[in-house]
C-alpha atoms as a PDB file:
ATOM      1  CA  UNK A   1     129.806  87.729-115.756  1.00  0.00           C
ATOM      2  CA  UNK A   2     128.466  89.134-119.027  1.00  0.00           C
ATOM      3  CA  UNK A   3     126.004  85.881-119.260  1.00  0.00           C
ATOM      4  CA  UNK A   4     124.825  86.170-115.588  1.00  0.00           C
ATOM      5  CA  UNK A   5     124.268  89.900-116.280  1.00  0.00           C
ATOM      6  CA  UNK A   6     122.104  89.046-119.334  1.00  0.00           C
ATOM      7  CA  UNK A   7     119.929  86.671-117.450  1.00  0.00           C
ATOM      8  CA  UNK A   8     119.229  88.836-114.948  1.00  0.00           C
ATOM      9  CA  UNK A   9     117.761  91.463-117.251  1.00  0.00           C
ATOM     10  CA  UNK A  10     115.940  88.713-118.857  1.00  0.00           C
ATOM     11  CA  UNK A  11     114.507  87.688-115.418  1.00  0.00           C
ATOM     12  CA  UNK A  12     113.990  91.079-114.379  1.00  0.00           C
ATOM     13  CA  UNK A  13     111.851  91.804-117.725  1.00  0.00           C
ATOM     14  CA  UNK A  14     109.876  88.589-117.352  1.00  0.00           C
ATOM     15  CA  UNK A  15     109.124  89.412-113.803  1.00  0.00           C
ATOM     16  CA  UNK A  16     107.814  92.872-114.860  1.00  0.00           C
ATOM     17  CA  UNK A  17     105.398  91.327-117.611  1.00  0.00           C
ATOM     18  CA  UNK A  18     103.816  89.215-114.708  1.00  0.00           C
ATOM     19  CA  UNK A  19     103.165  91.869-112.250  1.00  0.00           C
ATOM     20  CA  UNK A  20     100.739  94.721-112.119  1.00  0.00           C
ATOM     21  CA  UNK A  21     100.611  98.023-110.429  1.00  0.00           C
ATOM     22  CA  UNK A  22     102.210 100.091-113.251  1.00  0.00           C
ATOM     23  CA  UNK A  23     100.872 103.675-113.337  1.00  0.00           C
ATOM     24  CA  UNK A  24     100.692 103.694-117.094  1.00  0.00           C
ATOM     25  CA  UNK A  25      97.304 102.857-118.953  1.00  0.00           C
ATOM     26  CA  UNK A  26      98.858 101.781-122.122  1.00  0.00           C
ATOM     27  CA  UNK A  27      96.851  98.557-123.062  1.00  0.00           C
ATOM     28  CA  UNK A  28      93.517  99.592-122.607  1.00  0.00           C
ATOM     29  CA  UNK A  29      90.646  97.401-122.941  1.00  0.00           C
ATOM     30  CA  UNK A  30      87.646  99.153-124.216  1.00  0.00           C
ATOM     31  CA  UNK A  31      83.996  98.363-123.985  1.00  0.00           C
ATOM     32  CA  UNK A  32      83.912  97.063-120.617  1.00  0.00           C
ATOM     33  CA  UNK A  33      81.220  94.551-119.796  1.00  0.00           C
ATOM     34  CA  UNK A  34      79.193  94.432-116.596  1.00  0.00           C
ATOM     35  CA  UNK A  35      79.459  90.941-114.831  1.00  0.00           C
ATOM     36  CA  UNK A  36      78.336  89.471-111.421  1.00  0.00           C
ATOM     37  CA  UNK A  37      80.439  87.716-108.874  1.00  0.00           C
ATOM     38  CA  UNK A  38      80.099  84.336-110.451  1.00  0.00           C
ATOM     39  CA  UNK A  39      81.434  85.915-113.788  1.00  0.00           C
ATOM     40  CA  UNK A  40      77.850  86.003-115.686  1.00  0.00           C
ATOM     41  CA  UNK A  41      76.887  89.295-117.251  1.00  0.00           C
ATOM     42  CA  UNK A  42      75.200  92.067-115.333  1.00  0.00           C
ATOM     43  CA  UNK A  43      75.490  92.530-111.490  1.00  0.00           C
ATOM     44  CA  UNK A  44      72.325  91.776-109.786  1.00  0.00           C
ATOM     45  CA  UNK A  45      70.338  95.057-108.736  1.00  0.00           C
ATOM     46  CA  UNK A  46      71.396  96.593-105.584  1.00  0.00           C
ATOM     47  CA  UNK A  47      68.914  95.881-102.440  1.00  0.00           C
ATOM     48  CA  UNK A  48      66.478  98.558-101.487  1.00  0.00           C
ATOM     49  CA  UNK A  49      68.770  99.544 -98.640  1.00  0.00           C
ATOM     50  CA  UNK A  50      71.955  99.940-100.979  1.00  0.00           C
ATOM     51  CA  UNK A  51      69.730 101.902-103.256  1.00  0.00           C
ATOM     52  CA  UNK A  52      68.715 104.165-100.269  1.00  0.00           C
ATOM     53  CA  UNK A  53      72.405 104.506 -99.307  1.00  0.00           C
ATOM     54  CA  UNK A  54      73.687 105.683-102.515  1.00  0.00           C
ATOM     55  CA  UNK A  55      71.165 108.405-102.844  1.00  0.00           C
ATOM     56  CA  UNK A  56      71.048 109.679 -99.078  1.00  0.00           C
ATOM     57  CA  UNK A  57      74.433 108.535 -97.668  1.00  0.00           C
ATOM     58  CA  UNK A  58      76.446 110.378-100.089  1.00  0.00           C
ATOM     59  CA  UNK A  59      79.657 109.168 -98.474  1.00  0.00           C
ATOM     60  CA  UNK A  60      81.456 105.857-100.440  1.00  0.00           C
ATOM     61  CA  UNK A  61      84.698 104.503-100.989  1.00  0.00           C
ATOM     62  CA  UNK A  62      85.576 102.172-104.151  1.00  0.00           C
ATOM     63  CA  UNK A  63      87.948  99.541-104.214  1.00  0.00           C
ATOM     64  CA  UNK A  64      88.709  99.477-107.803  1.00  0.00           C
ATOM     65  CA  UNK A  65      91.636  98.213-110.540  1.00  0.00           C
ATOM     66  CA  UNK A  66      91.978  99.282-113.866  1.00  0.00           C
ATOM     67  CA  UNK A  67      93.926  97.853-116.924  1.00  0.00           C
ATOM     68  CA  UNK A  68      97.543  98.948-117.686  1.00  0.00           C
ATOM     69  CA  UNK A  69     100.745  98.738-119.341  1.00  0.00           C
ATOM     70  CA  UNK A  70     101.121  94.764-117.834  1.00  0.00           C
ATOM     71  CA  UNK A  71      98.353  93.437-115.589  1.00  0.00           C
ATOM     72  CA  UNK A  72      97.054  96.616-114.035  1.00  0.00           C
ATOM     73  CA  UNK A  73      96.806  98.810-110.864  1.00  0.00           C
ATOM     74  CA  UNK A  74      94.716  98.611-107.894  1.00  0.00           C
ATOM     75  CA  UNK A  75      93.539 101.588-105.900  1.00  0.00           C
ATOM     76  CA  UNK A  76      90.714 103.473-103.868  1.00  0.00           C
ATOM     77  CA  UNK A  77      88.359 106.368-104.931  1.00  0.00           C
ATOM     78  CA  UNK A  78      86.540 107.738-102.204  1.00  0.00           C
ATOM     79  CA  UNK A  79      84.503 111.013-101.604  1.00  0.00           C
ATOM     80  CA  UNK A  80      80.910 111.796-101.635  1.00  0.00           C
ATOM     81  CA  UNK A  81      78.002 111.321-104.337  1.00  0.00           C
ATOM     82  CA  UNK A  82      75.540 113.987-105.608  1.00  0.00           C
ATOM     83  CA  UNK A  83      71.795 112.893-105.770  1.00  0.00           C
ATOM     84  CA  UNK A  84      72.217 111.290-109.625  1.00  0.00           C
ATOM     85  CA  UNK A  85      75.287 109.074-108.096  1.00  0.00           C
ATOM     86  CA  UNK A  86      77.880 111.165-109.618  1.00  0.00           C
ATOM     87  CA  UNK A  87      81.435 111.581-107.843  1.00  0.00           C
ATOM     88  CA  UNK A  88      81.702 115.125-106.359  1.00  0.00           C
ATOM     89  CA  UNK A  89      85.620 115.894-106.101  1.00  0.00           C
ATOM     90  CA  UNK A  90      86.629 112.292-105.427  1.00  0.00           C
ATOM     91  CA  UNK A  91      90.248 111.741-104.205  1.00  0.00           C
ATOM     92  CA  UNK A  92      92.534 108.547-105.210  1.00  0.00           C
ATOM     93  CA  UNK A  93      94.939 106.849-103.491  1.00  0.00           C
ATOM     94  CA  UNK A  94      96.927 103.706-104.482  1.00  0.00           C
ATOM     95  CA  UNK A  95     100.475 102.527-104.429  1.00  0.00           C
ATOM     96  CA  UNK A  96     103.089 102.640-107.318  1.00  0.00           C
ATOM     97  CA  UNK A  97     106.647 103.273-107.897  1.00  0.00           C
ATOM     98  CA  UNK A  98     107.186 107.022-108.123  1.00  0.00           C
ATOM     99  CA  UNK A  99     108.242 107.489-111.565  1.00  0.00           C
ATOM    100  CA  UNK A 100     107.197 106.824-115.282  1.00  0.00           C
ATOM    101  CA  UNK A 101     110.758 104.770-116.078  1.00  0.00           C
ATOM    102  CA  UNK A 102     110.480 101.294-116.291  1.00  0.00           C
ATOM    103  CA  UNK A 103     114.071 100.798-114.548  1.00  0.00           C
ATOM    104  CA  UNK A 104     112.488 101.368-110.941  1.00  0.00           C
ATOM    105  CA  UNK A 105     109.552  98.722-111.784  1.00  0.00           C
ATOM    106  CA  UNK A 106     112.296  96.251-112.816  1.00  0.00           C
ATOM    107  CA  UNK A 107     114.357  97.030-109.686  1.00  0.00           C
ATOM    108  CA  UNK A 108     111.046  97.033-107.641  1.00  0.00           C
ATOM    109  CA  UNK A 109     110.597  92.991-108.308  1.00  0.00           C
ATOM    110  CA  UNK A 110     114.267  92.671-105.963  1.00  0.00           C
ATOM    111  CA  UNK A 111     114.426  95.569-103.797  1.00  0.00           C
ATOM    112  CA  UNK A 112     111.864  98.197-102.707  1.00  0.00           C
ATOM    113  CA  UNK A 113     111.871 101.280-104.505  1.00  0.00           C
ATOM    114  CA  UNK A 114     110.510 105.167-103.857  1.00  0.00           C
ATOM    115  CA  UNK A 115     106.692 104.694-104.461  1.00  0.00           C
ATOM    116  CA  UNK A 116     103.849 107.361-104.630  1.00  0.00           C
ATOM    117  CA  UNK A 117     100.557 107.067-102.934  1.00  0.00           C
ATOM    118  CA  UNK A 118      98.150 109.423-105.142  1.00  0.00           C
ATOM    119  CA  UNK A 119      96.407 109.442-108.260  1.00  0.00           C
ATOM    120  CA  UNK A 120      97.746 107.894-111.732  1.00  0.00           C
ATOM    121  CA  UNK A 121      96.922 108.524-115.089  1.00  0.00           C
ATOM    122  CA  UNK A 122      93.784 106.975-115.991  1.00  0.00           C
ATOM    123  CA  UNK A 123      92.436 105.858-112.450  1.00  0.00           C
ATOM    124  CA  UNK A 124      89.324 108.287-112.734  1.00  0.00           C
ATOM    125  CA  UNK A 125      88.341 106.910-116.532  1.00  0.00           C
ATOM    126  CA  UNK A 126      85.831 104.407-116.845  1.00  0.00           C
ATOM    127  CA  UNK A 127      87.077 102.977-120.006  1.00  0.00           C
ATOM    128  CA  UNK A 128      90.079 101.781-117.980  1.00  0.00           C
ATOM    129  CA  UNK A 129      88.182 100.111-114.924  1.00  0.00           C
ATOM    130  CA  UNK A 130      88.680  96.651-115.048  1.00  0.00           C
ATOM    131  CA  UNK A 131      86.908  95.672-111.626  1.00  0.00           C
ATOM    132  CA  UNK A 132      85.367  97.761-108.943  1.00  0.00           C
ATOM    133  CA  UNK A 133      83.430  97.259-105.304  1.00  0.00           C
ATOM    134  CA  UNK A 134      81.887 100.615-104.205  1.00  0.00           C
ATOM    135  CA  UNK A 135      80.967 100.834-100.626  1.00  0.00           C
ATOM    136  CA  UNK A 136      78.397 103.334 -99.211  1.00  0.00           C
ATOM    137  CA  UNK A 137      79.508 104.936 -95.865  1.00  0.00           C
ATOM    138  CA  UNK A 138      77.676 106.906 -92.935  1.00  0.00           C
ATOM    139  CA  UNK A 139      79.810 110.308 -92.266  1.00  0.00           C
ATOM    140  CA  UNK A 140      81.382 108.770 -89.281  1.00  0.00           C
ATOM    141  CA  UNK A 141      82.496 105.726 -91.086  1.00  0.00           C
ATOM    142  CA  UNK A 142      83.907 107.931 -94.075  1.00  0.00           C
ATOM    143  CA  UNK A 143      85.693 109.982 -91.356  1.00  0.00           C
ATOM    144  CA  UNK A 144      87.252 107.174 -89.991  1.00  0.00           C
ATOM    145  CA  UNK A 145      88.470 105.267 -93.065  1.00  0.00           C
ATOM    146  CA  UNK A 146      89.646 108.486 -94.267  1.00  0.00           C
ATOM    147  CA  UNK A 147      91.886 109.247 -91.436  1.00  0.00           C
ATOM    148  CA  UNK A 148      93.220 105.729 -91.902  1.00  0.00           C
ATOM    149  CA  UNK A 149      94.206 106.219 -95.650  1.00  0.00           C
ATOM    150  CA  UNK A 150      95.660 109.452 -94.617  1.00  0.00           C
ATOM    151  CA  UNK A 151      98.029 107.843 -92.104  1.00  0.00           C
ATOM    152  CA  UNK A 152      98.697 105.190 -94.368  1.00  0.00           C
ATOM    153  CA  UNK A 153      99.575 107.270 -97.238  1.00  0.00           C
ATOM    154  CA  UNK A 154     102.137 109.087 -94.913  1.00  0.00           C
ATOM    155  CA  UNK A 155     104.069 105.819 -93.865  1.00  0.00           C
ATOM    156  CA  UNK A 156     103.964 104.183 -97.528  1.00  0.00           C
ATOM    157  CA  UNK A 157     107.354 105.219 -98.921  1.00  0.00           C
ATOM    158  CA  UNK A 158     108.221 102.216-100.785  1.00  0.00           C
ATOM    159  CA  UNK A 159     106.836  99.659-103.465  1.00  0.00           C
ATOM    160  CA  UNK A 160     108.028  96.238-103.874  1.00  0.00           C
ATOM    161  CA  UNK A 161     106.291  93.852-106.146  1.00  0.00           C
ATOM    162  CA  UNK A 162     106.127  90.472-104.235  1.00  0.00           C
ATOM    163  CA  UNK A 163     106.034  92.278-100.403  1.00  0.00           C
ATOM    164  CA  UNK A 164     104.152  95.565-100.357  1.00  0.00           C
ATOM    165  CA  UNK A 165     102.365  96.184-103.800  1.00  0.00           C
ATOM    166  CA  UNK A 166      99.283  97.968-104.683  1.00  0.00           C
ATOM    167  CA  UNK A 167      97.084  94.954-103.742  1.00  0.00           C
ATOM    168  CA  UNK A 168      98.481  95.053-100.376  1.00  0.00           C
ATOM    169  CA  UNK A 169      97.962  98.512 -99.959  1.00  0.00           C
ATOM    170  CA  UNK A 170      94.404  98.236-100.673  1.00  0.00           C
ATOM    171  CA  UNK A 171      94.272  95.600 -98.581  1.00  0.00           C
ATOM    172  CA  UNK A 172      95.532  97.447 -95.570  1.00  0.00           C
ATOM    173  CA  UNK A 173      92.416  99.878 -96.357  1.00  0.00           C
ATOM    174  CA  UNK A 174      89.834  97.112 -96.574  1.00  0.00           C
ATOM    175  CA  UNK A 175      91.315  95.319 -93.686  1.00  0.00           C
ATOM    176  CA  UNK A 176      90.989  98.682 -91.167  1.00  0.00           C
ATOM    177  CA  UNK A 177      87.351  98.622 -92.363  1.00  0.00           C
ATOM    178  CA  UNK A 178      86.833  95.218 -91.054  1.00  0.00           C
ATOM    179  CA  UNK A 179      86.905  93.232 -94.357  1.00  0.00           C
ATOM    180  CA  UNK A 180      88.585  89.910 -95.061  1.00  0.00           C
ATOM    181  CA  UNK A 181      90.876  90.300 -98.004  1.00  0.00           C
ATOM    182  CA  UNK A 182      92.761  87.726-100.337  1.00  0.00           C
ATOM    183  CA  UNK A 183      96.183  87.293-101.049  1.00  0.00           C
ATOM    184  CA  UNK A 184      98.112  90.423-102.180  1.00  0.00           C
ATOM    185  CA  UNK A 185     100.153  88.400-105.195  1.00  0.00           C
ATOM    186  CA  UNK A 186      96.862  88.215-107.423  1.00  0.00           C
ATOM    187  CA  UNK A 187      96.486  90.231-110.652  1.00  0.00           C
ATOM    188  CA  UNK A 188      94.935  93.456-109.660  1.00  0.00           C
ATOM    189  CA  UNK A 189      91.447  92.517-111.317  1.00  0.00           C
ATOM    190  CA  UNK A 190      91.264  89.366-109.622  1.00  0.00           C
ATOM    191  CA  UNK A 191      92.240  90.843-106.512  1.00  0.00           C
ATOM    192  CA  UNK A 192      89.270  93.483-106.569  1.00  0.00           C
ATOM    193  CA  UNK A 193      86.621  91.092-107.618  1.00  0.00           C
ATOM    194  CA  UNK A 194      87.971  88.514-104.963  1.00  0.00           C
ATOM    195  CA  UNK A 195      87.735  91.270-102.508  1.00  0.00           C
ATOM    196  CA  UNK A 196      84.258  92.048-103.727  1.00  0.00           C
ATOM    197  CA  UNK A 197      83.029  88.177-103.539  1.00  0.00           C
ATOM    198  CA  UNK A 198      84.380  87.650 -99.833  1.00  0.00           C
ATOM    199  CA  UNK A 199      82.843  90.663 -98.499  1.00  0.00           C
ATOM    200  CA  UNK A 200      80.223  92.032-100.738  1.00  0.00           C
ATOM    201  CA  UNK A 201      77.538  89.498-101.025  1.00  0.00           C
ATOM    202  CA  UNK A 202      75.029  88.852-103.899  1.00  0.00           C
ATOM    203  CA  UNK A 203      73.919  92.577-104.043  1.00  0.00           C
ATOM    204  CA  UNK A 204      77.481  94.142-104.047  1.00  0.00           C
ATOM    205  CA  UNK A 205      77.847  97.270-106.078  1.00  0.00           C
ATOM    206  CA  UNK A 206      80.489  96.594-108.581  1.00  0.00           C
ATOM    207  CA  UNK A 207      81.307  94.867-111.680  1.00  0.00           C
ATOM    208  CA  UNK A 208      84.181  92.931-113.369  1.00  0.00           C
ATOM    209  CA  UNK A 209      85.323  93.761-117.040  1.00  0.00           C
ATOM    210  CA  UNK A 210      86.711  91.277-119.593  1.00  0.00           C
ATOM    211  CA  UNK A 211      90.110  89.671-118.863  1.00  0.00           C
ATOM    212  CA  UNK A 212      93.064  91.562-119.105  1.00  0.00           C
END
């Protein structure tokens, strides 16, 4: 029994090391570099339409991943932009175990564990951003997606690494907007990059940083 228990702990720790959605920002990768959808440096300039929307539409949702203790975390930021393109009191929503302890993360690879759906440490810090895709919205579009996010948060009580993780939560939001979504078992950075590539086109407003 002692040997079996030791093996179980080893497997759990190994699983923790290969799964994301951890709220800690330890392991920051500084000096984020901008890339396009093909992995080359520098995202192509937004189209004239995209530029106009960013100035005048003001409402936005940003699908984002960030570096963390293991392979990162996936979440959304939404709100309004000022005329300079800066966020005005943005809201954050993402799914993660509701704890700072490592134990629920380990257990969450085998059974569902209680989850939280709000902002976690480092979500709004650009130094931690590993990938992003920003979508500009009309007021009606914004109100619709925010209503869906509120409903999703109210019904998302558990996190489980392989069945319903941070990628799956964000994927439900993207799917509600009519977007195609990649498989939820990708690393967060890969997930957001793939989501942008599948839906954003060559002029997507976003970037991918160096591999975590």
